[in-house]
Amino acid sequence: MAPWEIWSYDFDVEGAHPVVIFGNAARVSNAGLEQVNVLFCTTLRREEPRAPKPHEVILDAADGLDWATRCRCDALHFVPKTKLRAKRGLVSWERRRAISEKILRFFPFAF
């Protein structure tokens, strides 16, 4: 398991969805730390074409996914590593930059 990998996670309310692991490698790989931050994603249906909202980045085959997928960059979810299942892909360098830019825009970081 590593940052920027895409895995499946079963949320209590939303059900199974792809998630992007978001965090530093030390936290993600440390067996003593049981949780990791993820970004919630939703697979787009064919009948649902639309431009991404300001807080979304679209992932697709370039990221190892079978379908276009919205990645929400306005909220982090802290989930147990043991409940992540089925690695699905790896976010491309271009999309990593786009996700990082959106996170900087939607979280109140002070510089």
N, C-alpha and C. Protein backbone atom coordinates (compact mmCIF):
# COMPACT_ATOMS: atom_id res chain seq x y z
N MET A 1 0.85 -1.17 0.00
CA MET A 1 0.00 0.00 0.00
C MET A 1 0.90 1.24 0.00
N ALA A 2 0.54 2.23 -0.83
CA ALA A 2 1.36 3.43 -0.96
C ALA A 2 0.49 4.63 -1.31
N PRO A 3 1.02 5.84 -1.03
CA PRO A 3 0.28 7.04 -1.43
C PRO A 3 -0.03 7.02 -2.93
N TRP A 4 -1.18 7.55 -3.28
CA TRP A 4 -1.69 7.71 -4.64
C TRP A 4 -2.22 6.43 -5.25
N GLU A 5 -2.18 5.32 -4.53
CA GLU A 5 -2.82 4.12 -5.04
C GLU A 5 -4.34 4.26 -4.91
N ILE A 6 -5.04 3.57 -5.79
CA ILE A 6 -6.51 3.57 -5.76
C ILE A 6 -6.94 2.18 -5.30
N TRP A 7 -7.75 2.14 -4.25
CA TRP A 7 -8.24 0.90 -3.66
C TRP A 7 -9.76 0.97 -3.57
N SER A 8 -10.39 -0.13 -3.23
CA SER A 8 -11.82 -0.16 -2.93
C SER A 8 -12.00 -0.10 -1.42
N TYR A 9 -13.06 0.60 -1.00
CA TYR A 9 -13.38 0.70 0.43
C TYR A 9 -14.89 0.67 0.58
N ASP A 10 -15.38 -0.07 1.58
CA ASP A 10 -16.81 -0.14 1.85
C ASP A 10 -17.19 0.86 2.93
N PHE A 11 -17.78 1.97 2.52
CA PHE A 11 -18.25 2.98 3.47
C PHE A 11 -19.55 2.51 4.10
N ASP A 12 -19.80 2.89 5.33
CA ASP A 12 -21.00 2.47 6.05
C ASP A 12 -22.28 2.91 5.34
N VAL A 13 -22.33 4.15 4.90
CA VAL A 13 -23.55 4.69 4.29
C VAL A 13 -23.51 4.59 2.77
N GLU A 14 -22.41 5.00 2.16
CA GLU A 14 -22.32 5.07 0.70
C GLU A 14 -22.08 3.73 0.02
N GLY A 15 -21.59 2.74 0.76
CA GLY A 15 -21.28 1.44 0.18
C GLY A 15 -19.87 1.41 -0.40
N ALA A 16 -19.62 0.47 -1.30
CA ALA A 16 -18.29 0.29 -1.88
C ALA A 16 -17.99 1.37 -2.92
N HIS A 17 -16.80 1.97 -2.78
CA HIS A 17 -16.35 3.01 -3.70
C HIS A 17 -14.84 2.95 -3.83
N PRO A 18 -14.32 3.45 -4.97
CA PRO A 18 -12.88 3.59 -5.07
C PRO A 18 -12.43 4.76 -4.18
N VAL A 19 -11.23 4.64 -3.65
CA VAL A 19 -10.63 5.72 -2.86
C VAL A 19 -9.18 5.88 -3.27
N VAL A 20 -8.67 7.10 -3.14
CA VAL A 20 -7.26 7.38 -3.39
C VAL A 20 -6.58 7.54 -2.05
N ILE A 21 -5.51 6.79 -1.82
CA ILE A 21 -4.75 6.94 -0.57
C ILE A 21 -4.01 8.26 -0.64
N PHE A 22 -4.24 9.09 0.38
CA PHE A 22 -3.65 10.43 0.40
C PHE A 22 -2.92 10.61 1.73
N GLY A 23 -1.62 10.62 1.68
CA GLY A 23 -0.83 10.79 2.89
C GLY A 23 0.63 10.51 2.58
N ASN A 24 1.47 10.73 3.57
CA ASN A 24 2.89 10.48 3.32
C ASN A 24 3.20 9.00 3.43
N ALA A 25 4.28 8.59 2.79
CA ALA A 25 4.66 7.17 2.72
C ALA A 25 4.93 6.59 4.10
N ALA A 26 5.47 7.39 5.02
CA ALA A 26 5.78 6.89 6.36
C ALA A 26 4.51 6.44 7.08
N ARG A 27 3.44 7.21 6.99
CA ARG A 27 2.19 6.83 7.65
C ARG A 27 1.57 5.63 6.96
N VAL A 28 1.53 5.65 5.65
CA VAL A 28 0.87 4.59 4.90
C VAL A 28 1.56 3.25 5.12
N SER A 29 2.88 3.24 5.15
CA SER A 29 3.60 1.97 5.26
C SER A 29 3.84 1.52 6.69
N ASN A 30 3.58 2.37 7.68
CA ASN A 30 3.83 2.03 9.08
C ASN A 30 2.73 1.09 9.59
N ALA A 31 3.12 -0.14 9.88
CA ALA A 31 2.16 -1.14 10.35
C ALA A 31 1.55 -0.76 11.70
N GLY A 32 2.24 0.05 12.48
CA GLY A 32 1.73 0.46 13.78
C GLY A 32 0.64 1.51 13.71
N LEU A 33 0.53 2.17 12.58
CA LEU A 33 -0.53 3.17 12.38
C LEU A 33 -1.65 2.51 11.59
N GLU A 34 -2.80 2.38 12.22
CA GLU A 34 -3.87 1.55 11.67
C GLU A 34 -4.79 2.26 10.68
N GLN A 35 -4.71 3.59 10.59
CA GLN A 35 -5.62 4.31 9.70
C GLN A 35 -4.84 5.17 8.72
N VAL A 36 -5.51 5.51 7.64
CA VAL A 36 -4.90 6.30 6.58
C VAL A 36 -5.97 7.24 6.00
N ASN A 37 -5.54 8.38 5.48
CA ASN A 37 -6.45 9.31 4.82
C ASN A 37 -6.70 8.85 3.39
N VAL A 38 -7.95 8.98 2.97
CA VAL A 38 -8.31 8.66 1.59
C VAL A 38 -9.23 9.74 1.04
N LEU A 39 -9.25 9.83 -0.27
CA LEU A 39 -10.19 10.69 -0.99
C LEU A 39 -11.28 9.79 -1.58
N PHE A 40 -12.52 10.19 -1.40
CA PHE A 40 -13.70 9.45 -1.87
C PHE A 40 -13.86 9.64 -3.37
N CYS A 41 -14.13 8.57 -4.07
CA CYS A 41 -14.33 8.62 -5.52
C CYS A 41 -15.65 7.94 -5.89
N THR A 42 -16.21 8.34 -7.02
CA THR A 42 -17.44 7.77 -7.52
C THR A 42 -17.29 7.48 -9.01
N THR A 43 -17.58 6.27 -9.40
CA THR A 43 -17.51 5.89 -10.80
C THR A 43 -18.62 6.59 -11.57
N LEU A 44 -18.27 7.15 -12.73
CA LEU A 44 -19.27 7.82 -13.58
C LEU A 44 -19.97 6.78 -14.45
N ARG A 45 -21.26 6.91 -14.54
CA ARG A 45 -22.03 6.06 -15.44
C ARG A 45 -21.97 6.65 -16.85
N ARG A 46 -22.13 5.80 -17.83
CA ARG A 46 -22.09 6.28 -19.23
C ARG A 46 -23.12 7.36 -19.50
N GLU A 47 -24.29 7.23 -18.87
CA GLU A 47 -25.36 8.21 -19.12
C GLU A 47 -25.19 9.48 -18.29
N GLU A 48 -24.09 9.59 -17.59
CA GLU A 48 -23.88 10.69 -16.65
C GLU A 48 -22.73 11.62 -17.06
N PRO A 49 -22.52 11.89 -18.35
CA PRO A 49 -21.39 12.74 -18.72
C PRO A 49 -21.62 14.18 -18.27
N ARG A 50 -20.63 14.73 -17.63
CA ARG A 50 -20.69 16.14 -17.23
C ARG A 50 -19.28 16.59 -16.88
N ALA A 51 -19.10 17.88 -16.91
CA ALA A 51 -17.81 18.43 -16.52
C ALA A 51 -17.63 18.25 -15.01
N PRO A 52 -16.40 18.09 -14.55
CA PRO A 52 -16.19 17.95 -13.10
C PRO A 52 -16.54 19.24 -12.37
N LYS A 53 -17.04 19.08 -11.15
CA LYS A 53 -17.30 20.24 -10.30
C LYS A 53 -15.95 20.82 -9.86
N PRO A 54 -15.94 22.04 -9.33
CA PRO A 54 -14.66 22.67 -8.96
C PRO A 54 -13.83 21.86 -7.96
N HIS A 55 -14.45 21.00 -7.17
CA HIS A 55 -13.72 20.23 -6.16
C HIS A 55 -13.40 18.81 -6.63
N GLU A 56 -13.60 18.50 -7.91
CA GLU A 56 -13.41 17.15 -8.42
C GLU A 56 -12.30 17.08 -9.47
N VAL A 57 -11.66 15.92 -9.53
CA VAL A 57 -10.72 15.58 -10.61
C VAL A 57 -11.22 14.26 -11.19
N ILE A 58 -11.23 14.15 -12.51
CA ILE A 58 -11.67 12.93 -13.15
C ILE A 58 -10.47 12.01 -13.37
N LEU A 59 -10.60 10.78 -12.86
CA LEU A 59 -9.61 9.73 -13.07
C LEU A 59 -10.15 8.78 -14.13
N ASP A 60 -9.25 8.07 -14.84
CA ASP A 60 -9.72 7.15 -15.88
C ASP A 60 -8.68 6.06 -16.14
N ALA A 61 -8.65 5.53 -17.36
CA ALA A 61 -7.75 4.43 -17.70
C ALA A 61 -6.28 4.79 -17.48
N ALA A 62 -5.92 6.06 -17.62
CA ALA A 62 -4.54 6.49 -17.38
C ALA A 62 -4.13 6.25 -15.92
N ASP A 63 -5.13 6.11 -15.06
CA ASP A 63 -4.90 5.87 -13.64
C ASP A 63 -5.16 4.39 -13.27
N GLY A 64 -5.40 3.56 -14.27
CA GLY A 64 -5.63 2.14 -14.04
C GLY A 64 -7.07 1.75 -13.82
N LEU A 65 -8.00 2.67 -14.04
CA LEU A 65 -9.42 2.38 -13.80
C LEU A 65 -10.12 1.98 -15.10
N ASP A 66 -11.17 1.20 -14.97
CA ASP A 66 -11.95 0.76 -16.13
C ASP A 66 -12.92 1.83 -16.62
N TRP A 67 -13.35 2.71 -15.71
CA TRP A 67 -14.36 3.72 -16.02
C TRP A 67 -13.89 5.09 -15.54
N ALA A 68 -14.42 6.14 -16.16
CA ALA A 68 -14.17 7.49 -15.66
C ALA A 68 -14.71 7.57 -14.24
N THR A 69 -13.95 8.22 -13.36
CA THR A 69 -14.27 8.25 -11.94
C THR A 69 -14.01 9.64 -11.37
N ARG A 70 -15.00 10.18 -10.65
CA ARG A 70 -14.84 11.49 -9.99
C ARG A 70 -14.10 11.28 -8.68
N CYS A 71 -13.05 12.05 -8.46
CA CYS A 71 -12.32 12.04 -7.19
C CYS A 71 -12.61 13.36 -6.48
N ARG A 72 -13.24 13.27 -5.31
CA ARG A 72 -13.60 14.47 -4.54
C ARG A 72 -12.40 14.94 -3.74
N CYS A 73 -12.04 16.19 -3.91
CA CYS A 73 -10.85 16.75 -3.27
C CYS A 73 -11.18 17.73 -2.16
N ASP A 74 -12.44 17.77 -1.72
CA ASP A 74 -12.86 18.72 -0.70
C ASP A 74 -13.05 18.08 0.67
N ALA A 75 -12.75 16.77 0.81
CA ALA A 75 -12.91 16.10 2.10
C ALA A 75 -11.95 14.91 2.17
N LEU A 76 -11.35 14.73 3.33
CA LEU A 76 -10.52 13.55 3.58
C LEU A 76 -11.28 12.62 4.52
N HIS A 77 -11.13 11.32 4.31
CA HIS A 77 -11.74 10.32 5.17
C HIS A 77 -10.61 9.53 5.82
N PHE A 78 -10.68 9.34 7.13
CA PHE A 78 -9.67 8.60 7.88
C PHE A 78 -10.22 7.20 8.09
N VAL A 79 -9.65 6.20 7.40
CA VAL A 79 -10.23 4.86 7.39
C VAL A 79 -9.20 3.82 7.85
N PRO A 80 -9.68 2.69 8.37
CA PRO A 80 -8.77 1.60 8.75
C PRO A 80 -8.11 0.97 7.51
N LYS A 81 -6.81 0.82 7.56
CA LYS A 81 -6.08 0.20 6.45
C LYS A 81 -6.58 -1.21 6.16
N THR A 82 -6.95 -1.92 7.22
CA THR A 82 -7.37 -3.32 7.06
C THR A 82 -8.66 -3.47 6.25
N LYS A 83 -9.43 -2.39 6.11
CA LYS A 83 -10.67 -2.46 5.35
C LYS A 83 -10.51 -2.05 3.89
N LEU A 84 -9.31 -1.62 3.52
CA LEU A 84 -9.04 -1.34 2.11
C LEU A 84 -8.85 -2.68 1.41
N ARG A 85 -9.48 -2.82 0.25
CA ARG A 85 -9.38 -4.09 -0.47
C ARG A 85 -9.25 -3.83 -1.97
N ALA A 86 -8.72 -4.76 -2.67
CA ALA A 86 -8.65 -4.73 -4.13
C ALA A 86 -8.01 -3.46 -4.69
N LYS A 87 -6.69 -3.46 -4.76
CA LYS A 87 -6.01 -2.34 -5.40
C LYS A 87 -6.50 -2.22 -6.84
N ARG A 88 -6.85 -0.99 -7.23
CA ARG A 88 -7.47 -0.78 -8.55
C ARG A 88 -6.61 0.01 -9.52
N GLY A 89 -5.64 0.75 -9.00
CA GLY A 89 -4.82 1.55 -9.91
C GLY A 89 -3.88 2.45 -9.16
N LEU A 90 -3.27 3.37 -9.91
CA LEU A 90 -2.32 4.34 -9.37
C LEU A 90 -2.56 5.67 -10.08
N VAL A 91 -2.77 6.73 -9.31
CA VAL A 91 -3.06 8.05 -9.90
C VAL A 91 -1.84 8.53 -10.69
N SER A 92 -2.08 8.97 -11.92
CA SER A 92 -1.01 9.45 -12.80
C SER A 92 -0.41 10.75 -12.26
N TRP A 93 0.80 11.06 -12.70
CA TRP A 93 1.48 12.28 -12.22
C TRP A 93 0.67 13.53 -12.50
N GLU A 94 0.09 13.61 -13.68
CA GLU A 94 -0.72 14.79 -14.05
C GLU A 94 -1.90 14.96 -13.10
N ARG A 95 -2.58 13.88 -12.77
CA ARG A 95 -3.75 13.95 -11.90
C ARG A 95 -3.34 14.18 -10.44
N ARG A 96 -2.16 13.70 -10.04
CA ARG A 96 -1.66 13.98 -8.69
C ARG A 96 -1.52 15.49 -8.50
N ARG A 97 -0.98 16.14 -9.52
CA ARG A 97 -0.81 17.59 -9.46
C ARG A 97 -2.18 18.28 -9.37
N ALA A 98 -3.13 17.83 -10.17
CA ALA A 98 -4.47 18.43 -10.17
C ALA A 98 -5.15 18.23 -8.82
N ILE A 99 -5.05 17.04 -8.24
CA ILE A 99 -5.64 16.77 -6.93
C ILE A 99 -5.00 17.64 -5.87
N SER A 100 -3.68 17.73 -5.89
CA SER A 100 -2.96 18.54 -4.90
C SER A 100 -3.36 20.01 -4.99
N GLU A 101 -3.49 20.52 -6.20
CA GLU A 101 -3.91 21.92 -6.39
C GLU A 101 -5.31 22.15 -5.84
N LYS A 102 -6.21 21.22 -6.09
CA LYS A 102 -7.58 21.38 -5.59
C LYS A 102 -7.62 21.31 -4.06
N ILE A 103 -6.85 20.42 -3.48
CA ILE A 103 -6.82 20.33 -2.02
C ILE A 103 -6.29 21.63 -1.43
N LEU A 104 -5.27 22.19 -2.02
CA LEU A 104 -4.75 23.48 -1.53
C LEU A 104 -5.81 24.58 -1.65
N ARG A 105 -6.65 24.50 -2.68
CA ARG A 105 -7.68 25.51 -2.88
C ARG A 105 -8.84 25.35 -1.89
N PHE A 106 -9.20 24.11 -1.54
CA PHE A 106 -10.40 23.87 -0.74
C PHE A 106 -10.15 23.72 0.75
N PHE A 107 -8.89 23.62 1.16
CA PHE A 107 -8.57 23.58 2.58
C PHE A 107 -7.91 24.91 2.96
N PRO A 108 -8.18 25.42 4.15
CA PRO A 108 -7.71 26.77 4.52
C PRO A 108 -6.24 26.78 4.99
N PHE A 109 -5.34 26.41 4.13
CA PHE A 109 -3.92 26.47 4.49
C PHE A 109 -3.47 27.92 4.47
N ALA A 110 -2.70 28.30 5.44
CA ALA A 110 -2.15 29.67 5.49
C ALA A 110 -0.66 29.59 5.17
N PHE A 111 -0.23 30.46 4.29
CA PHE A 111 1.19 30.49 3.90
C PHE A 111 1.81 31.80 4.32
